[in-house]
Protein backbone atom coordinates (compact mmCIF):
# COMPACT_ATOMS: atom_id res chain seq x y z
CA MET A 1 10.66 21.23 3.47
CA LYS A 2 12.31 17.95 2.65
CA PHE A 3 12.06 15.38 5.44
CA THR A 4 15.03 13.09 6.00
CA LEU A 5 15.35 10.06 8.24
CA LYS A 6 18.77 11.25 9.43
CA ALA A 7 17.39 14.57 10.63
CA ALA A 8 14.49 12.89 12.41
CA LEU A 9 16.76 10.48 14.25
CA LYS A 10 19.08 13.30 15.31
CA GLY A 11 16.14 15.25 16.66
CA ALA A 12 14.72 12.27 18.53
CA LEU A 13 18.12 11.44 20.01
CA PHE A 14 18.55 15.02 21.23
CA ILE A 15 15.14 15.00 22.90
CA LEU A 16 15.74 11.66 24.59
CA CYS A 17 19.16 12.71 25.84
CA ILE A 18 17.88 15.86 27.56
CA PRO A 19 17.19 14.01 30.87
CA VAL A 20 20.76 12.69 30.89
CA LEU A 21 22.09 16.23 30.76
CA ILE A 22 20.21 17.11 33.93
CA THR A 23 22.20 16.06 36.97
CA ALA A 24 19.97 14.94 39.82
CA GLN A 25 20.93 15.66 43.40
CA ASP A 26 21.19 12.76 45.83
CA ALA A 27 18.63 14.43 48.09
CA GLU A 28 15.11 14.70 46.65
CA PRO A 29 13.12 16.72 49.20
CA MET A 30 10.03 17.11 47.02
CA ALA A 31 9.79 13.37 46.44
CA ASP A 32 10.09 12.93 50.21
CA ARG A 33 7.26 15.41 50.79
CA LEU A 34 5.00 13.61 48.32
CA THR A 35 5.68 10.30 50.05
CA GLU A 36 4.97 11.74 53.50
CA ARG A 37 1.66 13.24 52.41
CA LEU A 38 0.28 10.58 50.06
CA LYS A 39 1.74 7.22 51.11
CA SER A 40 0.57 5.33 54.20
CA ASP A 41 -0.71 1.86 55.07
CA ILE A 42 -4.33 2.96 55.25
CA PHE A 43 -4.37 5.33 52.26
CA SER A 44 -1.79 5.33 49.48
CA VAL A 45 -2.01 7.28 46.22
CA GLY A 46 -0.09 6.25 43.12
CA ILE A 47 0.31 8.32 39.94
CA LEU A 48 1.72 7.18 36.59
CA LEU A 49 2.10 9.56 33.61
CA GLN A 50 3.82 8.49 30.39
CA SER A 51 4.64 10.30 27.15
CA GLU A 52 5.69 8.29 24.08
CA ALA A 53 7.37 8.94 20.74
CA ILE A 54 7.24 6.23 18.04
CA PHE A 55 9.07 6.23 14.69
CA SER A 56 8.68 3.54 12.03
CA PHE A 57 11.68 3.52 9.71
CA ARG A 58 9.30 2.98 6.80
CA ASP A 59 6.22 5.04 6.08
CA ASP A 60 3.84 2.40 7.45
CA ASP A 61 1.83 1.64 10.59
CA PHE A 62 4.45 -0.49 12.36
CA LYS A 63 4.06 0.13 16.11
CA GLY A 64 1.59 2.87 15.22
CA GLY A 65 3.68 4.56 12.52
CA ARG A 66 5.29 7.92 13.30
CA LEU A 67 3.63 9.80 16.14
CA PHE A 68 3.70 11.24 19.62
CA ASP A 69 1.28 9.63 22.04
CA MET A 70 0.24 9.30 25.65
CA GLY A 71 1.17 6.13 27.48
CA ALA A 72 -0.43 5.09 30.75
CA THR A 73 -2.19 7.96 32.53
CA ARG A 74 -3.27 6.45 35.84
CA LEU A 75 -4.43 7.23 39.35
CA ASP A 76 -4.22 4.37 41.86
CA VAL A 77 -5.67 4.46 45.40
CA ARG A 78 -5.19 1.54 47.77
CA GLY A 79 -4.85 0.71 51.44
CA ARG A 80 -5.36 -1.62 54.39
CA VAL A 81 -7.98 -0.84 57.02
CA ASP A 82 -9.10 -2.35 60.34
CA ARG A 83 -8.99 -6.13 60.79
CA ASN A 84 -6.71 -6.57 57.75
CA TYR A 85 -9.25 -5.70 55.06
CA LEU A 86 -7.88 -4.33 51.78
CA TYR A 87 -9.14 -2.06 49.03
CA ARG A 88 -7.88 -0.76 45.70
CA PHE A 89 -9.30 1.51 43.02
CA GLN A 90 -7.38 2.40 39.83
CA VAL A 91 -8.51 4.44 36.82
CA ASP A 92 -6.89 5.38 33.51
CA PHE A 93 -7.49 8.74 31.79
CA ARG A 94 -5.74 8.13 28.47
CA ARG A 95 -8.72 8.28 26.11
CA GLN A 96 -11.67 8.34 28.48
CA VAL A 97 -11.98 7.61 32.16
CA SER A 98 -11.94 3.82 32.51
CA ILE A 99 -11.81 1.57 35.55
CA LEU A 100 -8.82 -0.77 35.64
CA ASP A 101 -8.96 -2.14 39.18
CA ALA A 102 -11.81 -2.15 41.68
CA GLN A 103 -11.28 -4.69 44.41
CA VAL A 104 -11.81 -5.43 48.08
CA GLY A 105 -10.12 -8.18 50.02
CA TYR A 106 -8.87 -9.67 53.24
CA ALA A 107 -5.31 -10.61 54.17
CA ALA A 108 -5.12 -13.14 56.99
CA SER A 109 -1.32 -13.21 56.64
CA ASP A 110 1.36 -13.40 53.95
CA HIS A 111 0.31 -17.04 53.56
CA PHE A 112 -3.31 -16.30 52.61
CA ARG A 113 -5.27 -13.42 51.12
CA ILE A 114 -8.48 -13.23 49.15
CA VAL A 115 -9.61 -10.42 46.83
CA ALA A 116 -12.76 -9.94 44.77
CA GLY A 117 -13.57 -7.48 41.99
CA ALA A 118 -11.76 -6.40 38.83
CA TYR A 119 -7.99 -6.86 38.47
CA LYS A 120 -5.25 -8.76 36.60
CA PRO A 121 -5.92 -12.53 36.47
CA TYR A 122 -2.37 -13.98 36.89
CA THR A 123 -2.36 -15.51 33.40
CA SER A 124 1.07 -14.25 32.29
CA ARG A 125 4.17 -13.22 34.21
CA ASP A 126 4.68 -10.32 31.81
CA LEU A 127 1.21 -8.99 32.64
CA ASP A 128 1.98 -8.72 36.37
CA PRO A 129 3.98 -5.44 36.62
CA ASN A 130 2.32 -2.10 36.00
CA PRO A 131 3.37 -0.20 32.83
CA GLY A 132 5.80 1.91 34.83
CA ASN A 133 7.83 -1.14 35.84
CA THR A 134 7.97 -3.19 32.64
CA ASP A 135 11.35 -3.96 31.07
CA PHE A 136 10.38 -2.45 27.71
CA ILE A 137 7.93 0.12 26.37
CA ASN A 138 5.53 -2.66 25.34
CA ARG A 139 4.72 -5.95 27.01
CA ALA A 140 5.44 -9.23 25.22
CA ARG A 141 2.88 -9.68 22.44
CA GLN A 142 1.46 -12.92 23.88
CA VAL A 143 -0.20 -10.84 26.60
CA ARG A 144 -2.52 -8.95 24.24
CA THR A 145 -2.82 -11.95 21.92
CA MET A 146 -3.95 -14.64 24.38
CA MET A 147 -5.75 -12.92 27.26
CA ASN A 148 -7.68 -10.01 28.70
CA SER A 149 -5.58 -7.71 30.84
CA ARG A 150 -8.36 -7.52 33.47
CA GLU A 151 -11.05 -9.94 34.65
CA ILE A 152 -13.87 -9.76 37.18
CA GLY A 153 -13.87 -12.49 39.81
CA VAL A 154 -12.25 -13.76 43.00
CA THR A 155 -8.69 -14.90 43.75
CA VAL A 156 -6.91 -16.52 46.68
CA SER A 157 -3.14 -16.08 46.86
CA GLY A 158 -0.23 -16.25 49.25
CA THR A 159 3.48 -16.75 49.81
CA PRO A 160 4.07 -19.53 52.36
CA GLY A 161 7.85 -19.65 52.62
CA ASN A 162 9.43 -19.78 49.17
CA LEU A 163 6.23 -20.99 47.52
CA ILE A 164 3.98 -18.50 45.70
CA TYR A 165 0.44 -19.43 44.66
CA ALA A 166 -2.64 -17.78 43.12
CA PHE A 167 -5.93 -19.48 42.17
CA GLY A 168 -8.88 -17.62 40.70
CA MET A 169 -12.38 -17.87 39.27
CA TYR A 170 -13.62 -15.18 36.85
CA ASN A 171 -16.37 -14.38 34.36
CA GLY A 172 -13.86 -14.83 31.53
CA THR A 173 -15.08 -11.84 29.52
CA GLY A 174 -12.69 -9.10 30.66
CA LEU A 175 -14.34 -5.96 32.04
CA SER A 176 -17.39 -6.27 29.76
CA ARG A 177 -19.58 -7.67 32.59
CA SER A 178 -21.28 -9.97 30.07
CA ASN A 179 -22.15 -13.44 31.35
CA ASP A 180 -23.24 -16.83 29.99
CA ASN A 181 -23.21 -18.67 33.35
CA ARG A 182 -19.78 -20.16 32.58
CA PHE A 183 -16.48 -19.22 34.15
CA MET A 184 -12.74 -19.02 33.67
CA TYR A 185 -10.51 -20.81 36.19
CA THR A 186 -6.84 -19.89 36.67
CA GLY A 187 -3.94 -21.21 38.69
CA ARG A 188 -0.31 -20.34 39.20
CA LEU A 189 2.37 -22.02 41.29
CA SER A 190 5.95 -20.80 41.55
CA TYR A 191 8.99 -21.25 43.74
CA ARG A 192 11.57 -18.62 44.69
CA ALA A 193 15.13 -19.84 45.29
CA GLU A 194 17.40 -17.46 47.17
CA MET A 195 21.14 -17.46 46.52
CA GLU A 196 23.99 -15.20 47.52
CA ASN A 197 23.32 -11.79 45.92
CA SER A 198 20.77 -13.31 43.51
CA HIS A 199 17.50 -15.22 43.24
CA MET A 200 15.59 -17.39 40.77
CA ILE A 201 11.85 -17.97 40.33
CA PHE A 202 10.37 -20.98 38.54
CA GLY A 203 6.65 -21.27 37.92
CA PHE A 204 3.73 -22.48 35.85
CA SER A 205 0.51 -20.66 34.89
CA GLY A 206 -2.66 -22.26 33.59
CA ALA A 207 -6.24 -21.31 32.78
CA LEU A 208 -9.44 -22.84 31.42
CA ASN A 209 -12.06 -20.45 30.04
CA GLN A 210 -15.41 -22.19 29.57
CA THR A 211 -17.13 -19.04 28.30
CA ARG A 212 -18.65 -19.53 24.86
CA ASN A 213 -18.13 -17.16 21.91
CA ALA A 214 -15.45 -15.23 23.78
CA ALA A 215 -12.94 -13.05 21.94
CA VAL A 216 -9.35 -14.31 22.10
CA GLY A 217 -7.21 -11.32 23.01
CA ASN A 218 -6.77 -8.89 20.13
CA THR A 219 -6.54 -11.60 17.45
CA GLY A 220 -10.05 -11.23 16.04
CA LEU A 221 -10.56 -14.95 16.71
CA VAL A 222 -13.54 -16.25 18.71
CA SER A 223 -13.44 -19.28 21.01
CA LEU A 224 -16.47 -21.58 21.05
CA GLY A 225 -15.64 -22.49 24.67
CA ASN A 226 -13.29 -24.47 26.91
CA ARG A 227 -10.19 -22.54 25.82
CA SER A 228 -7.04 -23.69 27.61
CA LEU A 229 -3.97 -21.56 28.34
CA TYR A 230 -0.79 -22.89 29.95
CA GLY A 231 2.95 -22.51 30.17
CA PRO A 232 6.05 -22.24 32.37
CA PHE A 233 8.16 -19.20 33.23
CA ALA A 234 11.51 -18.55 34.88
CA GLU A 235 13.27 -15.46 36.22
CA PHE A 236 16.80 -14.74 37.34
CA SER A 237 18.13 -11.61 39.02
CA SER A 238 21.55 -10.75 40.42
CA ARG A 239 23.43 -7.56 41.12
CA PHE A 240 24.55 -7.25 37.48
CA PHE A 241 22.54 -9.63 35.26
CA PHE A 242 18.83 -10.42 35.07
CA GLY A 243 16.55 -12.32 32.72
CA THR A 244 13.05 -13.69 32.16
CA PHE A 245 11.63 -16.48 30.00
CA GLU A 246 7.98 -17.41 29.52
CA PHE A 247 6.28 -19.88 27.20
CA LEU A 248 2.51 -19.80 26.70
CA GLN A 249 0.19 -21.81 24.48
CA THR A 250 -3.57 -21.57 24.07
CA ARG A 251 -5.88 -24.09 22.37
CA PHE A 252 -9.51 -23.58 21.43
CA ASN A 253 -12.14 -24.39 18.82
CA ALA A 254 -12.25 -21.29 16.63
CA GLN A 255 -15.56 -20.01 15.32
CA ASN A 256 -13.60 -18.35 12.48
CA PHE A 257 -12.45 -21.75 11.18
CA GLY A 258 -15.71 -23.67 11.45
CA GLY A 259 -14.94 -25.02 14.91
CA GLN A 260 -11.50 -26.43 14.07
CA GLU A 261 -8.92 -26.34 16.86
CA GLU A 262 -6.59 -23.36 16.65
CA THR A 263 -3.33 -23.31 18.59
CA ILE A 264 -1.47 -20.09 19.34
CA THR A 265 2.07 -20.44 20.69
CA GLY A 266 4.15 -17.64 22.11
CA PHE A 267 7.32 -17.16 24.07
CA TYR A 268 9.73 -14.40 24.98
CA GLY A 269 13.18 -14.32 26.46
CA THR A 270 14.73 -11.23 28.03
CA LEU A 271 18.36 -10.71 29.03
CA GLY A 272 19.56 -7.57 30.75
CA ALA A 273 22.46 -5.98 32.56
CA ASN A 274 22.54 -3.28 35.24
CA THR A 275 25.34 -1.20 33.74
CA SER A 276 25.16 1.39 36.53
CA GLU A 277 23.02 2.24 39.53
CA ASN A 278 20.55 4.01 37.24
CA ASP A 279 20.98 2.29 33.85
CA GLN A 280 19.96 -0.98 32.24
CA LEU A 281 20.67 -2.47 28.81
CA LEU A 282 18.31 -5.20 27.59
CA ILE A 283 17.47 -7.45 24.66
CA ARG A 284 14.30 -9.50 24.07
CA TRP A 285 13.20 -12.12 21.54
CA ASP A 286 9.41 -12.28 21.25
CA LYS A 287 7.83 -15.00 19.07
CA LEU A 288 4.23 -15.72 18.06
CA ASP A 289 2.88 -18.58 15.94
CA PHE A 290 -0.68 -19.36 14.76
CA ASP A 291 -1.38 -22.91 13.63
CA LEU A 292 -4.47 -22.60 11.40
CA ARG A 293 -3.84 -19.02 10.34
CA GLY A 294 -0.28 -19.94 9.41
CA ASP A 295 1.26 -16.74 10.79
CA THR A 296 4.69 -16.69 12.39
CA SER A 297 6.27 -13.52 13.75
CA ASP A 298 9.60 -12.76 15.45
CA LEU A 299 10.14 -9.42 17.18
CA PHE A 300 13.58 -8.42 18.49
CA THR A 301 13.90 -5.46 20.87
CA LEU A 302 16.96 -3.62 22.17
CA GLY A 303 16.34 -1.43 25.19
CA TRP A 304 17.99 1.17 27.40
CA ASN A 305 16.34 2.21 30.67
CA HIS A 306 17.53 5.19 32.71
CA GLN A 307 16.29 6.31 36.13
CA VAL A 308 16.80 10.08 36.29
CA THR A 309 15.36 10.57 39.79
CA ARG A 310 13.18 8.48 42.08
CA LEU A 311 10.12 9.77 40.21
CA ILE A 312 11.39 10.40 36.65
CA SER A 313 12.71 7.81 34.18
CA PHE A 314 12.81 7.05 30.48
CA ARG A 315 13.18 4.09 28.12
CA VAL A 316 14.51 3.85 24.57
CA ASN A 317 13.69 0.83 22.36
CA LEU A 318 14.81 -0.31 18.90
CA TRP A 319 12.58 -2.85 17.12
CA ALA A 320 13.04 -5.35 14.29
CA GLN A 321 10.09 -7.56 13.33
CA TYR A 322 10.08 -10.44 10.84
CA ASP A 323 6.71 -11.86 9.75
CA THR A 324 5.76 -14.69 7.40
CA ASP A 325 5.60 -13.54 3.74
CA GLU A 326 6.11 -9.88 4.66
CA ASP A 327 8.98 -7.42 4.43
CA PRO A 328 10.93 -6.80 7.66
CA LYS A 329 9.78 -3.90 9.81
CA TYR A 330 12.04 -1.62 11.83
CA GLY A 331 11.37 1.18 14.26
CA ALA A 332 12.39 3.07 17.39
CA GLY A 333 10.54 4.45 20.36
CA GLY A 334 11.07 6.49 23.48
CA LEU A 335 9.04 6.76 26.69
CA PHE A 336 9.36 9.50 29.32
CA GLN A 337 7.52 8.92 32.60
CA PHE A 338 6.64 10.19 36.05
CA GLN A 339 5.78 7.44 38.53
CA PHE A 340 4.90 7.96 42.16
């Protein structure tokens, strides 16, 4: 049977539009029952299930090619017990059972808390939200390029007034538990400005990873030690418009280039509009540049997010990527999720 791009797009559009055809009632008694039974201060269960469909407009491996796939498949248990102690345990079941978060902590107040264990290291603003709350199907590429999504260590954080801070010390090797007696140090400071029906956040993140022979994200590059990471970010949110910008740069002596200093620069800018109570339209420009490797890549994403019920939502993305000395790449993707 002859395959045509037009037929495939029609089929994908029909599948993605099915949730829109289902009219949700204002009252959601089953969601209320789940909340009553599984959400409390001392013991709270979170579940995230995602199903993805990816289609590259060319017969190549852009964004994975043409396939159906599982997204995040997570179980998250957390709570606060006597004397303000905290705990959290999160696992993912996508390919094999893997630990994402395992932490214990103490919260003296909103101004000061300390946690220890495995968790996200506050190295990028786009890494902060869980996959169920990101603006697009994929995070900005600088996240996977410049950092590990989890680290093992200790962090102090707090929100005194409009100031937000987080300072941490980690092994610097992700969840591998390997150790060379050197550490990664991180810091973030930001300020939240409240305005009528809107707010803005300005901040700066920085890190120094002293670990030797450490992999640099998913780049295949290896740092000989003392890798720096730094950059500012800004967010804006109002009733109708919202946006985020983040710039990050990392410098390190690369084993792959005989110890020469490699610089990776990345930034993304997102603009969005709340077109209805349950719908968002978004656009993002995502740029990456490698100094010694000589690679430059621009990825543009158009997105539509729709909240069907409190627990069910979906996202549709269109992608266009332009790389140095390569043909343009185009694709589309859809994500259907349950998040509780």
